[in-house]
Amino acid sequence: MPRKSPEQRIEKYRSKLDPEWVKKRLEQSKDSMVAAQTSAVERLAAMELRVKAVLNDEDIVLFSHVLYLDFARELHRLIERHHGGQGLTREARIKVYDWKERGGSEPILKRIAYEAFGLTV
């Protein structure tokens, strides 16, 4: 596959800076972008509800819920990236240890991982 000449590369870059080209590309992908964002927000909201259900069963102060929700968001990103396997389990264990060191309760962190995500750590 031959490489593009510098002139071709510059011309392609110039076309990317053209407002009409940008507008056309955005209009073409707008629907799929909105659908992807909607799906991501719905998954995140469902995850937060599962975590809040776990936290409501625990005897912890309300302001510490933020810590556990942040932990859950990190686990959520891991799951989106790894989709399972030993790598995910290892990374989840590291997250539990990390958030325990930040002041979280290890049993609660493990319970969130299990009940909200189905991870045994």
N, C-alpha and C. Protein backbone atom coordinates (compact mmCIF):
# COMPACT_ATOMS: atom_id res chain seq x y z
N MET A 1 0.84 -1.16 0.00
CA MET A 1 0.00 0.00 0.00
C MET A 1 0.90 1.25 0.00
N PRO A 2 0.84 2.03 -1.06
CA PRO A 2 1.72 3.21 -1.13
C PRO A 2 1.29 4.29 -0.14
N ARG A 3 2.27 4.97 0.35
CA ARG A 3 2.00 6.07 1.28
C ARG A 3 1.55 7.29 0.50
N LYS A 4 0.75 8.12 1.14
CA LYS A 4 0.29 9.34 0.50
C LYS A 4 1.41 10.37 0.49
N SER A 5 1.39 11.18 -0.54
CA SER A 5 2.40 12.23 -0.64
C SER A 5 2.07 13.34 0.37
N PRO A 6 3.05 14.16 0.68
CA PRO A 6 2.78 15.27 1.61
C PRO A 6 1.66 16.19 1.10
N GLU A 7 1.60 16.39 -0.19
CA GLU A 7 0.54 17.24 -0.74
C GLU A 7 -0.84 16.63 -0.50
N GLN A 8 -0.95 15.31 -0.69
CA GLN A 8 -2.23 14.63 -0.45
C GLN A 8 -2.63 14.72 1.02
N ARG A 9 -1.68 14.57 1.90
CA ARG A 9 -1.95 14.66 3.33
C ARG A 9 -2.40 16.06 3.72
N ILE A 10 -1.74 17.06 3.17
CA ILE A 10 -2.11 18.45 3.48
C ILE A 10 -3.51 18.73 2.96
N GLU A 11 -3.83 18.26 1.77
CA GLU A 11 -5.15 18.49 1.20
C GLU A 11 -6.24 17.81 2.04
N LYS A 12 -5.96 16.62 2.50
CA LYS A 12 -6.93 15.93 3.36
C LYS A 12 -7.13 16.70 4.66
N TYR A 13 -6.05 17.21 5.22
CA TYR A 13 -6.14 18.00 6.45
C TYR A 13 -6.95 19.27 6.22
N ARG A 14 -6.71 19.95 5.09
CA ARG A 14 -7.47 21.15 4.77
C ARG A 14 -8.96 20.85 4.66
N SER A 15 -9.29 19.72 4.06
CA SER A 15 -10.71 19.38 3.92
C SER A 15 -11.36 19.15 5.28
N LYS A 16 -10.61 18.64 6.23
CA LYS A 16 -11.14 18.44 7.58
C LYS A 16 -11.42 19.76 8.29
N LEU A 17 -10.75 20.81 7.87
CA LEU A 17 -10.95 22.12 8.48
C LEU A 17 -12.07 22.92 7.81
N ASP A 18 -12.59 22.41 6.72
CA ASP A 18 -13.66 23.09 6.00
C ASP A 18 -14.95 22.97 6.80
N PRO A 19 -15.57 24.10 7.19
CA PRO A 19 -16.80 24.03 8.01
C PRO A 19 -17.93 23.26 7.35
N GLU A 20 -18.05 23.33 6.05
CA GLU A 20 -19.11 22.59 5.36
C GLU A 20 -18.86 21.09 5.45
N TRP A 21 -17.61 20.68 5.32
CA TRP A 21 -17.27 19.27 5.43
C TRP A 21 -17.57 18.76 6.84
N VAL A 22 -17.19 19.56 7.84
CA VAL A 22 -17.44 19.20 9.24
C VAL A 22 -18.94 19.09 9.49
N LYS A 23 -19.69 20.07 8.98
CA LYS A 23 -21.14 20.05 9.15
C LYS A 23 -21.76 18.82 8.51
N LYS A 24 -21.31 18.49 7.31
CA LYS A 24 -21.84 17.31 6.60
C LYS A 24 -21.55 16.02 7.38
N ARG A 25 -20.32 15.88 7.86
CA ARG A 25 -19.95 14.67 8.63
C ARG A 25 -20.75 14.58 9.92
N LEU A 26 -20.95 15.71 10.58
CA LEU A 26 -21.71 15.72 11.82
C LEU A 26 -23.17 15.36 11.57
N GLU A 27 -23.74 15.90 10.51
CA GLU A 27 -25.12 15.57 10.18
C GLU A 27 -25.29 14.10 9.84
N GLN A 28 -24.29 13.52 9.17
CA GLN A 28 -24.34 12.10 8.82
C GLN A 28 -24.30 11.20 10.05
N SER A 29 -23.51 11.58 11.03
CA SER A 29 -23.32 10.70 12.19
C SER A 29 -24.11 11.11 13.42
N LYS A 30 -24.90 12.15 13.33
CA LYS A 30 -25.62 12.66 14.49
C LYS A 30 -26.53 11.61 15.12
N ASP A 31 -27.33 10.92 14.31
CA ASP A 31 -28.28 9.94 14.85
C ASP A 31 -27.57 8.80 15.58
N SER A 32 -26.49 8.29 14.98
CA SER A 32 -25.78 7.20 15.63
C SER A 32 -25.07 7.67 16.90
N MET A 33 -24.59 8.92 16.90
CA MET A 33 -23.95 9.47 18.09
C MET A 33 -24.95 9.61 19.23
N VAL A 34 -26.14 10.11 18.93
CA VAL A 34 -27.17 10.27 19.95
C VAL A 34 -27.61 8.90 20.48
N ALA A 35 -27.75 7.92 19.58
CA ALA A 35 -28.15 6.58 20.01
C ALA A 35 -27.09 5.96 20.91
N ALA A 36 -25.82 6.12 20.57
CA ALA A 36 -24.74 5.57 21.39
C ALA A 36 -24.69 6.23 22.76
N GLN A 37 -24.86 7.54 22.80
CA GLN A 37 -24.83 8.26 24.08
C GLN A 37 -26.04 7.87 24.93
N THR A 38 -27.20 7.74 24.30
CA THR A 38 -28.41 7.34 25.04
C THR A 38 -28.22 5.97 25.67
N SER A 39 -27.67 5.05 24.91
CA SER A 39 -27.43 3.70 25.42
C SER A 39 -26.44 3.72 26.58
N ALA A 40 -25.37 4.50 26.45
CA ALA A 40 -24.36 4.57 27.51
C ALA A 40 -24.94 5.16 28.78
N VAL A 41 -25.75 6.21 28.65
CA VAL A 41 -26.35 6.84 29.83
C VAL A 41 -27.33 5.89 30.50
N GLU A 42 -28.09 5.15 29.72
CA GLU A 42 -29.04 4.19 30.30
C GLU A 42 -28.31 3.09 31.06
N ARG A 43 -27.20 2.58 30.50
CA ARG A 43 -26.42 1.54 31.19
C ARG A 43 -25.84 2.09 32.49
N LEU A 44 -25.32 3.31 32.45
CA LEU A 44 -24.74 3.92 33.64
C LEU A 44 -25.79 4.17 34.71
N ALA A 45 -26.97 4.64 34.32
CA ALA A 45 -28.04 4.88 35.28
C ALA A 45 -28.51 3.58 35.92
N ALA A 46 -28.63 2.51 35.13
CA ALA A 46 -29.03 1.21 35.68
C ALA A 46 -27.99 0.70 36.67
N MET A 47 -26.71 0.90 36.35
CA MET A 47 -25.64 0.47 37.25
C MET A 47 -25.71 1.25 38.55
N GLU A 48 -25.95 2.56 38.47
CA GLU A 48 -26.02 3.37 39.69
C GLU A 48 -27.20 2.95 40.56
N LEU A 49 -28.30 2.56 39.97
CA LEU A 49 -29.44 2.07 40.76
C LEU A 49 -29.10 0.79 41.49
N ARG A 50 -28.38 -0.12 40.83
CA ARG A 50 -27.98 -1.37 41.49
C ARG A 50 -27.04 -1.08 42.66
N VAL A 51 -26.12 -0.15 42.47
CA VAL A 51 -25.17 0.20 43.54
C VAL A 51 -25.91 0.87 44.69
N LYS A 52 -26.83 1.77 44.39
CA LYS A 52 -27.58 2.45 45.44
C LYS A 52 -28.43 1.47 46.24
N ALA A 53 -28.92 0.42 45.60
CA ALA A 53 -29.67 -0.61 46.32
C ALA A 53 -28.76 -1.30 47.34
N VAL A 54 -27.52 -1.58 46.95
CA VAL A 54 -26.57 -2.19 47.90
C VAL A 54 -26.27 -1.21 49.03
N LEU A 55 -26.03 0.04 48.69
CA LEU A 55 -25.67 1.03 49.71
C LEU A 55 -26.81 1.30 50.68
N ASN A 56 -28.04 1.22 50.21
CA ASN A 56 -29.18 1.42 51.10
C ASN A 56 -29.29 0.33 52.16
N ASP A 57 -28.76 -0.86 51.87
CA ASP A 57 -28.78 -1.96 52.84
C ASP A 57 -27.67 -1.83 53.88
N GLU A 58 -26.66 -1.04 53.58
CA GLU A 58 -25.52 -0.90 54.48
C GLU A 58 -25.73 0.26 55.45
N ASP A 59 -25.10 0.16 56.58
CA ASP A 59 -25.19 1.22 57.60
C ASP A 59 -24.00 2.15 57.43
N ILE A 60 -24.08 3.03 56.43
CA ILE A 60 -23.00 3.98 56.17
C ILE A 60 -23.60 5.38 56.04
N VAL A 61 -22.76 6.37 56.29
CA VAL A 61 -23.24 7.75 56.20
C VAL A 61 -23.44 8.13 54.74
N LEU A 62 -24.37 9.03 54.53
CA LEU A 62 -24.79 9.39 53.17
C LEU A 62 -23.66 9.96 52.33
N PHE A 63 -22.80 10.80 52.91
CA PHE A 63 -21.75 11.42 52.09
C PHE A 63 -20.71 10.42 51.60
N SER A 64 -20.62 9.25 52.19
CA SER A 64 -19.67 8.25 51.70
C SER A 64 -20.22 7.48 50.49
N HIS A 65 -21.49 7.70 50.15
CA HIS A 65 -22.04 7.06 48.96
C HIS A 65 -21.26 7.48 47.71
N VAL A 66 -20.75 8.71 47.72
CA VAL A 66 -19.99 9.20 46.57
C VAL A 66 -18.78 8.31 46.31
N LEU A 67 -18.08 7.94 47.37
CA LEU A 67 -16.91 7.08 47.24
C LEU A 67 -17.28 5.77 46.57
N TYR A 68 -18.35 5.15 47.00
CA TYR A 68 -18.74 3.86 46.45
C TYR A 68 -19.29 3.98 45.04
N LEU A 69 -19.96 5.08 44.72
CA LEU A 69 -20.43 5.29 43.35
C LEU A 69 -19.25 5.52 42.40
N ASP A 70 -18.23 6.22 42.87
CA ASP A 70 -17.03 6.40 42.05
C ASP A 70 -16.33 5.07 41.80
N PHE A 71 -16.25 4.26 42.83
CA PHE A 71 -15.69 2.91 42.69
C PHE A 71 -16.48 2.12 41.65
N ALA A 72 -17.80 2.19 41.72
CA ALA A 72 -18.66 1.45 40.79
C ALA A 72 -18.47 1.96 39.36
N ARG A 73 -18.30 3.24 39.18
CA ARG A 73 -18.07 3.78 37.84
C ARG A 73 -16.77 3.26 37.26
N GLU A 74 -15.75 3.13 38.10
CA GLU A 74 -14.48 2.56 37.63
C GLU A 74 -14.66 1.10 37.23
N LEU A 75 -15.40 0.34 38.03
CA LEU A 75 -15.68 -1.05 37.66
C LEU A 75 -16.47 -1.11 36.35
N HIS A 76 -17.42 -0.21 36.21
CA HIS A 76 -18.23 -0.16 34.99
C HIS A 76 -17.34 0.06 33.77
N ARG A 77 -16.37 0.98 33.87
CA ARG A 77 -15.45 1.22 32.76
C ARG A 77 -14.60 -0.02 32.47
N LEU A 78 -14.18 -0.71 33.54
CA LEU A 78 -13.40 -1.93 33.34
C LEU A 78 -14.20 -2.98 32.57
N ILE A 79 -15.45 -3.15 32.96
CA ILE A 79 -16.30 -4.15 32.31
C ILE A 79 -16.54 -3.77 30.85
N GLU A 80 -16.75 -2.49 30.59
CA GLU A 80 -16.94 -2.03 29.21
C GLU A 80 -15.70 -2.32 28.37
N ARG A 81 -14.54 -2.26 28.99
CA ARG A 81 -13.29 -2.44 28.27
C ARG A 81 -12.88 -3.90 28.15
N HIS A 82 -13.07 -4.69 29.22
CA HIS A 82 -12.53 -6.05 29.25
C HIS A 82 -13.55 -7.14 28.90
N HIS A 83 -14.80 -6.96 29.17
CA HIS A 83 -15.87 -7.93 28.84
C HIS A 83 -15.68 -9.29 29.50
N GLY A 84 -14.96 -9.37 30.60
CA GLY A 84 -14.86 -10.63 31.32
C GLY A 84 -13.48 -11.25 31.27
N GLY A 85 -13.35 -12.41 31.88
CA GLY A 85 -12.08 -13.13 31.88
C GLY A 85 -11.24 -12.84 33.11
N GLN A 86 -10.09 -13.48 33.14
CA GLN A 86 -9.19 -13.35 34.29
C GLN A 86 -8.61 -11.94 34.41
N GLY A 87 -8.41 -11.28 33.27
CA GLY A 87 -7.90 -9.91 33.32
C GLY A 87 -8.85 -8.98 34.04
N LEU A 88 -10.14 -9.13 33.77
CA LEU A 88 -11.14 -8.31 34.43
C LEU A 88 -11.17 -8.60 35.93
N THR A 89 -11.11 -9.86 36.30
CA THR A 89 -11.12 -10.22 37.72
C THR A 89 -9.91 -9.64 38.44
N ARG A 90 -8.75 -9.73 37.80
CA ARG A 90 -7.53 -9.19 38.41
C ARG A 90 -7.64 -7.67 38.57
N GLU A 91 -8.10 -6.99 37.54
CA GLU A 91 -8.25 -5.54 37.61
C GLU A 91 -9.28 -5.13 38.65
N ALA A 92 -10.36 -5.90 38.78
CA ALA A 92 -11.39 -5.61 39.79
C ALA A 92 -10.82 -5.77 41.19
N ARG A 93 -10.00 -6.78 41.40
CA ARG A 93 -9.36 -6.95 42.72
C ARG A 93 -8.46 -5.76 43.04
N ILE A 94 -7.75 -5.28 42.03
CA ILE A 94 -6.89 -4.12 42.24
C ILE A 94 -7.73 -2.91 42.61
N LYS A 95 -8.88 -2.74 41.94
CA LYS A 95 -9.77 -1.61 42.25
C LYS A 95 -10.30 -1.72 43.68
N VAL A 96 -10.67 -2.91 44.11
CA VAL A 96 -11.15 -3.09 45.48
C VAL A 96 -10.06 -2.68 46.46
N TYR A 97 -8.84 -3.15 46.23
CA TYR A 97 -7.73 -2.79 47.12
C TYR A 97 -7.51 -1.27 47.10
N ASP A 98 -7.52 -0.68 45.91
CA ASP A 98 -7.29 0.75 45.75
C ASP A 98 -8.33 1.56 46.52
N TRP A 99 -9.61 1.20 46.37
CA TRP A 99 -10.67 1.96 47.03
C TRP A 99 -10.75 1.65 48.52
N LYS A 100 -10.27 0.49 48.93
CA LYS A 100 -10.16 0.20 50.37
C LYS A 100 -9.13 1.14 50.99
N GLU A 101 -8.03 1.36 50.29
CA GLU A 101 -6.99 2.27 50.76
C GLU A 101 -7.48 3.72 50.78
N ARG A 102 -8.46 4.04 49.97
CA ARG A 102 -9.03 5.40 49.95
C ARG A 102 -10.08 5.60 51.03
N GLY A 103 -10.38 4.55 51.78
CA GLY A 103 -11.31 4.70 52.89
C GLY A 103 -12.58 3.90 52.77
N GLY A 104 -12.73 3.12 51.71
CA GLY A 104 -13.91 2.30 51.55
C GLY A 104 -13.83 1.03 52.38
N SER A 105 -14.97 0.47 52.68
CA SER A 105 -15.03 -0.78 53.43
C SER A 105 -14.90 -1.94 52.45
N GLU A 106 -13.93 -2.81 52.67
CA GLU A 106 -13.70 -3.92 51.74
C GLU A 106 -14.93 -4.81 51.57
N PRO A 107 -15.66 -5.17 52.64
CA PRO A 107 -16.87 -5.98 52.42
C PRO A 107 -17.92 -5.28 51.56
N ILE A 108 -18.06 -3.98 51.72
CA ILE A 108 -19.04 -3.25 50.91
C ILE A 108 -18.56 -3.18 49.46
N LEU A 109 -17.28 -2.92 49.25
CA LEU A 109 -16.73 -2.89 47.89
C LEU A 109 -16.92 -4.22 47.19
N LYS A 110 -16.64 -5.30 47.90
CA LYS A 110 -16.82 -6.63 47.31
C LYS A 110 -18.29 -6.93 47.04
N ARG A 111 -19.14 -6.47 47.93
CA ARG A 111 -20.58 -6.68 47.74
C ARG A 111 -21.07 -5.92 46.50
N ILE A 112 -20.59 -4.70 46.32
CA ILE A 112 -20.95 -3.93 45.12
C ILE A 112 -20.47 -4.66 43.87
N ALA A 113 -19.23 -5.12 43.91
CA ALA A 113 -18.69 -5.83 42.75
C ALA A 113 -19.52 -7.06 42.41
N TYR A 114 -19.97 -7.77 43.43
CA TYR A 114 -20.74 -8.99 43.20
C TYR A 114 -22.18 -8.69 42.81
N GLU A 115 -22.86 -7.88 43.62
CA GLU A 115 -24.30 -7.69 43.41
C GLU A 115 -24.62 -6.76 42.23
N ALA A 116 -23.77 -5.78 41.98
CA ALA A 116 -24.06 -4.85 40.90
C ALA A 116 -23.45 -5.29 39.57
N PHE A 117 -22.37 -6.09 39.63
CA PHE A 117 -21.66 -6.46 38.40
C PHE A 117 -21.49 -7.96 38.21
N GLY A 118 -21.77 -8.74 39.23
CA GLY A 118 -21.60 -10.19 39.11
C GLY A 118 -20.15 -10.63 39.17
N LEU A 119 -19.28 -9.82 39.77
CA LEU A 119 -17.86 -10.15 39.87
C LEU A 119 -17.54 -10.71 41.25
N THR A 120 -16.86 -11.82 41.28
CA THR A 120 -16.38 -12.38 42.54
C THR A 120 -14.91 -11.99 42.66
N VAL A 121 -14.65 -11.10 43.62
CA VAL A 121 -13.27 -10.63 43.79
C VAL A 121 -12.74 -10.98 45.15
